Protein backbone atom coordinates (compact mmCIF):
# COMPACT_ATOMS: atom_id res chain seq x y z
CA MET A 1 -61.95 -126.87 -0.15
CA THR A 2 -63.87 -125.45 -3.09
CA SER A 3 -63.11 -123.27 -6.07
CA HIS A 4 -65.58 -120.42 -5.47
CA PRO A 5 -68.92 -119.63 -3.78
CA VAL A 6 -71.73 -121.46 -5.57
CA GLN A 7 -75.42 -120.72 -5.07
CA TYR A 8 -76.17 -124.44 -4.69
CA GLN A 9 -73.42 -125.20 -2.16
CA ALA A 10 -73.95 -122.28 0.23
CA PRO A 11 -77.22 -123.66 1.74
CA LEU A 12 -75.50 -127.02 2.28
CA PHE A 13 -72.58 -125.36 4.04
CA ARG A 14 -75.07 -123.62 6.34
CA ARG A 15 -76.70 -126.94 7.18
CA LEU A 16 -73.33 -128.52 7.92
CA ALA A 17 -72.44 -125.55 10.16
CA ALA A 18 -75.62 -126.17 12.16
CA ASP A 19 -75.13 -129.95 12.40
CA PRO A 20 -73.87 -130.94 15.87
CA ARG A 21 -72.09 -134.00 14.46
CA ILE A 22 -69.44 -131.98 12.67
CA GLU A 23 -67.36 -128.83 12.86
CA SER A 24 -66.80 -127.64 9.32
CA HIS A 25 -64.58 -124.96 7.82
CA VAL A 26 -64.87 -123.84 4.19
CA VAL A 27 -61.88 -122.58 2.20
CA TYR A 28 -62.43 -120.81 -1.13
CA ALA A 29 -59.85 -120.59 -3.89
CA THR A 30 -61.57 -117.43 -5.22
CA LEU A 31 -64.65 -115.38 -4.37
CA LYS A 32 -66.02 -115.40 -7.93
CA GLY A 33 -69.83 -115.37 -7.74
CA ALA A 34 -69.96 -113.61 -4.39
CA GLU A 35 -68.13 -110.71 -6.05
CA ARG A 36 -69.04 -109.28 -9.44
CA ALA A 37 -66.95 -110.89 -12.16
CA LEU A 38 -67.10 -111.65 -15.85
CA ASP A 39 -68.74 -114.98 -16.73
CA PRO A 40 -67.59 -115.76 -20.30
CA ASP A 41 -70.44 -118.25 -20.85
CA PHE A 42 -73.07 -115.64 -20.05
CA GLY A 43 -71.03 -112.94 -21.76
CA ALA A 44 -71.67 -110.55 -18.87
CA GLU A 45 -70.50 -109.60 -15.39
CA ILE A 46 -72.38 -111.71 -12.86
CA LYS A 47 -72.96 -111.49 -9.12
CA TRP A 48 -75.59 -113.76 -7.61
CA ASP A 49 -78.32 -111.86 -5.76
CA ILE A 50 -78.59 -114.24 -2.80
CA PRO A 51 -76.24 -114.45 0.20
CA LEU A 52 -73.43 -116.92 -0.49
CA LEU A 53 -71.08 -116.29 2.45
CA ASP A 54 -73.46 -116.06 5.41
CA GLY A 55 -74.16 -118.67 8.07
CA TYR A 56 -70.93 -120.69 8.09
CA GLU A 57 -67.22 -120.29 8.78
CA TRP A 58 -65.11 -119.62 5.69
CA LYS A 59 -61.89 -118.09 4.52
CA GLU A 60 -60.26 -117.30 1.20
CA ALA A 61 -56.90 -118.77 0.28
CA LYS A 62 -55.37 -116.17 -2.02
CA ASN A 63 -55.20 -117.36 -5.61
CA ARG A 64 -51.70 -116.81 -7.03
CA GLY A 65 -52.70 -118.35 -10.33
CA SER A 66 -53.84 -116.78 -13.57
CA GLY A 67 -57.58 -117.29 -12.99
CA ARG A 68 -57.83 -118.90 -16.43
CA GLU A 69 -59.11 -122.37 -17.31
CA SER A 70 -55.68 -123.97 -16.94
CA PHE A 71 -53.68 -126.04 -14.47
CA PHE A 72 -52.23 -122.94 -12.83
CA GLY A 73 -55.47 -121.02 -13.13
CA LEU A 74 -56.07 -121.96 -9.50
CA PHE A 75 -52.82 -121.96 -7.55
CA ASN A 76 -53.46 -121.40 -3.83
CA PRO A 77 -50.29 -122.13 -1.87
CA GLY A 78 -51.97 -120.91 1.34
CA VAL A 79 -54.05 -124.10 1.33
CA TRP A 80 -50.92 -125.98 2.40
CA ARG A 81 -50.62 -124.10 5.67
CA ILE A 82 -54.38 -124.16 6.35
CA ILE A 83 -54.52 -127.95 6.10
CA ARG A 84 -51.18 -128.68 7.76
CA GLU A 85 -51.98 -126.49 10.77
CA GLY A 86 -55.69 -127.30 10.95
CA LYS A 87 -55.35 -130.81 12.39
CA TYR A 88 -58.44 -131.86 10.43
CA ASP A 89 -59.87 -135.35 10.46
CA ALA A 90 -60.89 -134.97 6.84
CA VAL A 91 -60.50 -132.70 3.83
CA VAL A 92 -63.30 -132.68 1.24
CA CYS A 93 -62.06 -131.20 -2.04
CA PHE A 94 -64.41 -129.72 -4.65
CA VAL A 95 -61.55 -128.31 -6.73
CA GLY A 96 -60.92 -130.39 -9.86
CA TYR A 97 -57.78 -132.45 -10.31
CA VAL A 98 -56.90 -130.38 -13.40
CA ARG A 99 -56.02 -127.46 -11.08
CA ALA A 100 -52.79 -127.11 -9.10
CA THR A 101 -54.72 -126.38 -5.89
CA PHE A 102 -56.18 -129.89 -5.87
CA TRP A 103 -52.71 -131.42 -5.67
CA ILE A 104 -51.61 -128.99 -2.96
CA ALA A 105 -54.64 -130.00 -0.89
CA LEU A 106 -54.12 -133.71 -1.57
CA LEU A 107 -50.45 -133.72 -0.53
CA ALA A 108 -51.12 -131.57 2.53
CA ALA A 109 -53.94 -133.89 3.64
CA LYS A 110 -51.88 -137.04 3.13
CA LEU A 111 -48.92 -135.65 5.08
CA SER A 112 -51.31 -134.51 7.82
CA ARG A 113 -52.86 -137.99 7.88
CA ALA A 114 -56.31 -136.48 7.24
CA ALA A 115 -58.82 -138.44 5.21
CA PHE A 116 -59.11 -137.00 1.70
CA LEU A 117 -62.45 -137.09 -0.15
CA PHE A 118 -63.07 -136.00 -3.72
CA GLY A 119 -64.98 -137.13 -6.77
CA THR A 120 -66.47 -135.99 -10.05
CA ASP A 121 -69.87 -134.87 -11.28
CA ALA A 122 -69.42 -136.87 -14.51
CA TRP A 123 -71.44 -139.99 -15.31
CA SER A 124 -69.59 -140.65 -18.57
CA LEU A 125 -65.98 -140.55 -19.72
CA VAL A 126 -66.98 -138.40 -22.71
CA PRO A 127 -65.85 -134.77 -22.16
CA ARG A 128 -67.71 -131.69 -23.30
CA ASP A 129 -65.47 -131.27 -26.35
CA ARG A 130 -65.86 -135.02 -27.11
CA LYS A 131 -62.15 -135.46 -27.91
CA ARG A 132 -61.27 -139.14 -28.12
CA TRP A 133 -57.79 -138.81 -26.66
CA LYS A 134 -59.30 -137.49 -23.44
CA ILE A 135 -61.55 -140.55 -23.20
CA ALA A 136 -58.52 -142.82 -23.63
CA VAL A 137 -56.56 -140.93 -20.96
CA LYS A 138 -59.48 -141.15 -18.52
CA LYS A 139 -59.86 -144.89 -19.06
CA LEU A 140 -56.25 -145.36 -18.06
CA GLY A 141 -55.82 -142.61 -15.51
CA TRP A 142 -59.09 -142.34 -13.61
CA PRO A 143 -58.88 -145.75 -11.88
CA LEU A 144 -55.49 -144.68 -10.49
CA LEU A 145 -56.64 -141.13 -9.70
CA PHE A 146 -59.76 -142.04 -7.74
CA ARG A 147 -57.93 -144.66 -5.72
CA LEU A 148 -56.14 -141.70 -4.11
CA ALA A 149 -59.43 -140.83 -2.39
CA ASP A 150 -60.23 -142.31 1.01
CA GLN A 151 -63.80 -142.04 -0.21
CA VAL A 152 -65.03 -141.08 -3.68
CA ILE A 153 -68.06 -138.76 -3.59
CA VAL A 154 -70.39 -138.50 -6.58
CA PRO A 155 -73.64 -136.53 -6.98
CA SER A 156 -75.72 -138.92 -9.10
CA SER A 157 -76.55 -142.59 -9.60
CA GLY A 158 -74.82 -142.31 -12.98
CA GLY A 159 -71.65 -141.27 -11.17
CA VAL A 160 -71.87 -144.34 -8.93
CA GLU A 161 -72.15 -146.56 -12.02
CA LEU A 162 -69.21 -144.82 -13.70
CA MET A 163 -66.91 -145.24 -10.70
CA SER A 164 -67.93 -148.88 -10.36
CA SER A 165 -67.15 -149.46 -14.04
CA LEU A 166 -63.63 -148.12 -13.42
CA GLY A 167 -63.03 -150.75 -10.77
CA ILE A 168 -63.52 -148.55 -7.70
CA PRO A 169 -65.00 -150.80 -4.97
CA ARG A 170 -68.64 -149.96 -4.24
CA GLY A 171 -67.84 -149.45 -0.55
CA ARG A 172 -65.48 -146.62 -1.46
CA ILE A 173 -68.13 -144.74 -3.46
CA ALA A 174 -70.60 -142.43 -1.69
CA LEU A 175 -73.64 -140.79 -3.24
CA THR A 176 -74.01 -137.17 -2.13
CA PRO A 177 -76.92 -136.05 -4.37
CA PHE A 178 -76.78 -132.89 -6.46
CA VAL A 179 -79.48 -130.78 -4.81
CA VAL A 180 -80.86 -127.29 -4.46
CA ASP A 181 -82.40 -125.65 -1.39
CA ASN A 182 -85.83 -127.22 -1.92
CA ASP A 183 -87.52 -125.27 0.89
CA TRP A 184 -86.39 -121.92 -0.50
CA TRP A 185 -87.49 -122.72 -4.05
CA LYS A 186 -90.90 -123.99 -2.97
CA ALA A 187 -91.52 -121.00 -0.72
CA GLN A 188 -90.58 -118.56 -3.49
CA ALA A 189 -92.74 -120.36 -6.06
CA ALA A 190 -95.75 -120.38 -3.74
CA SER A 191 -95.87 -116.58 -3.77
CA VAL A 192 -95.68 -116.20 -7.57
CA ASP A 193 -98.54 -114.46 -9.38
CA LYS A 194 -98.47 -116.59 -12.52
CA GLU A 195 -100.86 -114.38 -14.46
CA ALA A 196 -98.86 -111.23 -13.66
CA VAL A 197 -95.61 -112.88 -14.76
CA ARG A 198 -97.12 -113.94 -18.07
CA LYS A 199 -98.59 -110.51 -18.59
CA ASN A 200 -95.11 -109.04 -18.18
CA TRP A 201 -93.93 -111.47 -20.88
CA ASN A 202 -96.84 -110.50 -23.12
CA VAL A 203 -98.08 -114.08 -22.96
CA PRO A 204 -101.80 -114.98 -22.60
CA SER A 205 -102.73 -116.51 -19.26
CA ASP A 206 -104.18 -119.58 -21.01
CA ALA A 207 -101.17 -120.17 -23.28
CA VAL A 208 -98.90 -123.22 -23.01
CA VAL A 209 -95.41 -122.04 -22.01
CA VAL A 210 -92.33 -124.06 -23.01
CA LEU A 211 -89.18 -122.97 -21.15
CA PHE A 212 -85.48 -123.21 -21.96
CA CYS A 213 -83.50 -122.00 -18.92
CA ALA A 214 -79.72 -122.22 -19.40
CA LYS A 215 -76.73 -120.48 -20.91
CA LEU A 216 -77.15 -119.94 -24.64
CA GLN A 217 -74.10 -122.02 -25.47
CA PRO A 218 -73.57 -124.73 -28.14
CA TRP A 219 -73.42 -127.71 -25.74
CA LYS A 220 -76.81 -126.73 -24.28
CA ARG A 221 -78.31 -127.10 -27.80
CA PRO A 222 -80.91 -124.29 -27.60
CA PHE A 223 -81.50 -124.54 -31.36
CA ASP A 224 -82.97 -128.02 -30.82
CA VAL A 225 -85.69 -126.52 -28.63
CA LEU A 226 -86.44 -123.81 -31.17
CA GLU A 227 -86.57 -126.23 -34.11
CA ALA A 228 -88.72 -128.74 -32.23
CA PHE A 229 -91.08 -126.02 -31.02
CA ALA A 230 -91.56 -124.82 -34.60
CA LYS A 231 -92.18 -128.39 -35.84
CA ALA A 232 -94.54 -129.50 -33.09
CA ASP A 233 -98.29 -129.09 -33.27
CA LEU A 234 -98.60 -126.75 -30.31
CA PRO A 235 -101.47 -124.32 -30.80
CA ASN A 236 -101.51 -121.41 -28.40
CA ALA A 237 -97.95 -122.13 -27.23
CA VAL A 238 -95.07 -119.76 -26.43
CA LEU A 239 -91.35 -120.55 -26.11
CA ILE A 240 -89.37 -118.71 -23.43
CA PHE A 241 -85.57 -118.46 -23.45
CA ALA A 242 -84.26 -117.52 -19.99
CA GLY A 243 -80.51 -117.09 -20.25
CA ASP A 244 -77.82 -115.29 -22.18
CA GLY A 245 -74.79 -116.25 -24.22
CA VAL A 246 -73.09 -116.22 -27.59
CA LEU A 247 -76.01 -117.82 -29.48
CA LYS A 248 -78.64 -115.24 -28.59
CA GLU A 249 -78.66 -113.27 -31.84
CA ALA A 250 -78.40 -116.40 -33.98
CA LEU A 251 -81.44 -117.80 -32.17
CA ARG A 252 -83.38 -114.61 -32.79
CA ASN A 253 -82.55 -114.79 -36.49
CA ARG A 254 -83.50 -118.46 -36.72
CA ALA A 255 -86.81 -117.83 -34.98
CA ALA A 256 -87.59 -115.22 -37.64
CA GLU A 257 -86.62 -117.62 -40.44
CA LEU A 258 -88.94 -120.29 -39.02
CA GLY A 259 -91.80 -117.83 -38.72
CA ALA A 260 -91.87 -118.51 -34.97
CA GLU A 261 -90.65 -115.11 -33.82
CA PRO A 262 -94.08 -113.87 -32.60
CA ARG A 263 -94.29 -116.92 -30.30
CA VAL A 264 -90.74 -116.70 -28.88
CA ARG A 265 -89.54 -114.52 -25.99
CA PHE A 266 -85.94 -113.85 -24.90
CA LEU A 267 -85.70 -112.83 -21.24
CA GLY A 268 -81.90 -112.56 -21.05
CA PHE A 269 -79.91 -113.46 -17.94
CA ALA A 270 -82.11 -114.17 -14.90
CA ASN A 271 -80.56 -113.98 -11.45
CA GLN A 272 -81.41 -116.45 -8.70
CA THR A 273 -84.31 -114.57 -7.13
CA GLN A 274 -85.98 -114.13 -10.54
CA LEU A 275 -85.97 -117.82 -11.45
CA PRO A 276 -88.81 -119.17 -9.24
CA ALA A 277 -91.32 -116.92 -11.02
CA ILE A 278 -90.04 -118.08 -14.42
CA TYR A 279 -90.43 -121.76 -13.56
CA ALA A 280 -93.78 -121.33 -11.81
CA ALA A 281 -95.23 -119.46 -14.81
CA SER A 282 -94.11 -122.18 -17.27
CA ASP A 283 -95.73 -125.50 -18.19
CA VAL A 284 -92.66 -127.53 -19.12
CA LEU A 285 -88.88 -127.10 -19.00
CA VAL A 286 -86.77 -128.44 -21.87
CA LEU A 287 -83.08 -129.24 -21.34
CA PRO A 288 -81.67 -130.72 -24.59
CA SER A 289 -77.95 -130.58 -23.65
CA GLU A 290 -75.35 -132.82 -25.26
CA TYR A 291 -73.18 -132.49 -22.14
CA GLU A 292 -74.86 -132.13 -18.74
CA PRO A 293 -73.36 -133.99 -15.76
CA PHE A 294 -76.60 -133.38 -13.87
CA GLY A 295 -78.72 -130.32 -14.64
CA LEU A 296 -79.82 -128.59 -11.45
CA VAL A 297 -82.36 -126.55 -13.40
CA VAL A 298 -84.44 -129.74 -13.30
CA ASN A 299 -84.37 -129.70 -9.47
CA GLU A 300 -85.32 -126.02 -9.50
CA ALA A 301 -88.15 -126.53 -11.97
CA PHE A 302 -89.57 -129.50 -10.03
CA CYS A 303 -89.57 -127.51 -6.79
CA CYS A 304 -91.67 -124.91 -8.61
CA GLY A 305 -94.04 -127.52 -10.04
CA CYS A 306 -92.69 -127.45 -13.59
CA PRO A 307 -92.08 -130.90 -15.20
CA ALA A 308 -89.13 -131.38 -17.56
CA ILE A 309 -88.20 -132.91 -20.89
CA VAL A 310 -84.49 -133.72 -21.03
CA SER A 311 -82.07 -135.34 -23.47
CA ASP A 312 -80.59 -138.73 -22.65
CA ARG A 313 -77.28 -137.00 -21.90
CA VAL A 314 -78.66 -135.08 -18.93
CA GLY A 315 -77.64 -136.72 -15.67
CA ALA A 316 -80.83 -135.67 -13.87
CA GLY A 317 -82.80 -137.84 -16.28
CA ARG A 318 -81.64 -140.94 -14.41
CA ASP A 319 -82.55 -139.73 -10.94
CA LEU A 320 -85.46 -137.32 -11.30
CA VAL A 321 -87.26 -137.61 -14.64
CA ARG A 322 -89.96 -140.29 -14.85
CA PRO A 323 -91.46 -140.42 -18.38
CA GLY A 324 -95.18 -139.74 -18.27
CA GLU A 325 -95.03 -138.68 -14.62
CA THR A 326 -92.48 -135.93 -14.09
CA GLY A 327 -91.45 -135.37 -17.72
CA ASP A 328 -89.90 -137.20 -20.65
CA ILE A 329 -86.50 -138.23 -22.06
CA PHE A 330 -85.51 -138.10 -25.73
CA PRO A 331 -82.35 -138.99 -27.72
CA CYS A 332 -79.98 -136.03 -27.77
CA GLY A 333 -79.97 -134.19 -31.10
CA ASP A 334 -83.19 -135.82 -32.36
CA VAL A 335 -85.35 -132.77 -33.03
CA GLU A 336 -88.25 -134.88 -34.34
CA ALA A 337 -88.26 -136.91 -31.12
CA LEU A 338 -88.18 -133.72 -29.04
CA ALA A 339 -91.14 -132.33 -31.02
CA ARG A 340 -93.07 -135.55 -30.33
CA SER A 341 -92.16 -135.35 -26.64
CA LEU A 342 -93.54 -131.81 -26.48
CA GLU A 343 -96.77 -132.85 -28.16
CA LYS A 344 -97.12 -135.92 -25.95
CA MET A 345 -96.33 -134.15 -22.69
CA LEU A 346 -98.71 -131.29 -23.31
CA ALA A 347 -101.53 -133.62 -24.37
CA LEU A 348 -101.29 -136.11 -21.47
CA PRO A 349 -104.67 -136.69 -19.82
CA GLN A 350 -102.90 -136.62 -16.43
CA ARG A 351 -101.16 -133.33 -17.26
CA GLN A 352 -102.80 -131.53 -14.35
CA HIS A 353 -101.04 -133.97 -11.99
CA LEU A 354 -97.52 -133.50 -13.41
CA SER A 355 -96.79 -130.47 -11.26
CA ARG A 356 -97.65 -132.34 -8.06
CA TRP A 357 -95.67 -135.41 -9.12
CA ALA A 358 -92.60 -133.29 -9.95
CA LYS A 359 -92.67 -131.73 -6.48
CA ALA A 360 -93.05 -135.14 -4.86
CA GLN A 361 -90.12 -136.56 -6.85
CA VAL A 362 -87.70 -133.78 -5.86
CA ASP A 363 -88.67 -134.30 -2.21
CA THR A 364 -86.72 -137.56 -2.40
CA TRP A 365 -83.63 -135.70 -3.70
CA SER A 366 -83.12 -132.94 -1.18
CA PRO A 367 -80.47 -131.35 1.08
CA ARG A 368 -81.40 -133.93 3.71
CA GLU A 369 -80.14 -136.75 1.47
CA ASN A 370 -77.04 -134.75 0.55
CA ILE A 371 -76.03 -134.08 4.17
CA GLU A 372 -76.64 -137.67 5.25
CA GLY A 373 -74.65 -138.90 2.25
CA MET A 374 -71.77 -136.60 3.16
CA MET A 375 -71.82 -137.64 6.82
CA HIS A 376 -71.77 -141.30 5.80
CA ALA A 377 -68.87 -140.65 3.43
CA LEU A 378 -66.91 -138.87 6.17
CA GLN A 379 -67.50 -141.70 8.63
CA LEU A 380 -66.28 -144.28 6.13
CA ALA A 381 -63.28 -142.20 5.07
CA THR A 382 -62.06 -141.36 8.57
CA SER A 383 -62.63 -144.94 9.71
CA ARG A 384 -60.66 -146.31 6.77
CA ASN A 385 -57.97 -143.65 7.09
CA GLY A 386 -57.74 -144.01 10.87
CA ALA A 387 -58.02 -140.25 11.47
CA GLY A 388 -60.69 -140.60 14.14
CA ALA A 389 -58.70 -143.18 16.11
CA ARG A 390 -55.55 -141.03 16.00
CA LYS A 391 -57.53 -138.00 17.16
CA ALA A 392 -58.90 -139.94 20.14
CA ALA A 393 -55.42 -141.25 21.00
CA ASP A 394 -53.98 -137.74 20.89
CA GLU A 395 -56.73 -136.47 23.19
CA ASN A 396 -56.22 -139.31 25.66
CA SER A 397 -52.47 -138.82 25.76
CA SER A 398 -52.78 -135.09 26.37
CA GLY A 399 -55.73 -135.31 28.76
CA LEU A 400 -57.40 -132.53 26.86
CA PRO A 401 -60.71 -132.71 24.97
CA GLY A 402 -60.39 -132.30 21.23
CA VAL A 403 -62.69 -130.84 18.61
CA SER A 404 -63.46 -132.96 15.56
CA LYS A 405 -63.05 -130.90 12.40
């Protein structure tokens, strides 16, 4: 059960559909992403330009909610019937607990005696808005909440540490890594004409290209990249902003104030098929976010041979970024430190090897690890919940073969 089609999840659903160990059905609360819809963070109507609904079995449970960011924003009563009639061994829920649909799915699964798996992408209790009362509520409520799961699934090593710190037994926590379709990204990047891409940007082929690829929103801290770029001693360097959002015009104005405007390019929103060329034509990605549970742009960049500098609040820093090898890590909000990281990274004597090392690192964090992590989590959950044993008993009593779902 998931909220909407996501470009990162669709390839995983296809792999699960092809895996002989499991029969999987996907239920969407909305079709946002597969259908054109307004994305308020981008400030534009968005529809991803890759297939999101092909290659696996899915259905939509009609959303009766408001569609807003609220508890009843996702209210899909049809989920009740789907789960109750589906006779599933397990329900994996990717809808957050702050939505009504999560609780419908949870209750339906419990009454159906199906194992229920859910988790969080967070590695810290600190929310995006940094409100202290939310931290206090999580400290008290999350240990109780996540004990409702037959298995807690988390996408990063930071998530494992967070769940452990809340008292969740390690055996009830499963790592299902946050990944992209590595093969697709590498294949797309291999066909990129780097010189032609840079020519289209009006960037010299021998220039050093620093890339910011994210929504131009406050929590992504794009101004930090701009300020650090202007401070750093980076001769023959160009800064590329790939993304759109509310800060775009303010960034343009600040670039002019800093005298950096001639060395800054704004590409606007880039759809999925455009991104491999952007990464492959860049020398280093910078992700300075103050709130970033993981940061899949790092996976994407590494697949395309682009190392990354990230803030210490980016989850991917723990699992993918190796200072001096695949990138660097700096204290969030420290523009001086970011400027030094840029200078250091782009002056490393082993710089020509960074691209190869980035690709090698992301090979260890791939869909293969995600699928195996999910299968392990399902085995533990159904074993603990007893769903598999009940299924076998039902089959034996009826004399009919069953299908594990």
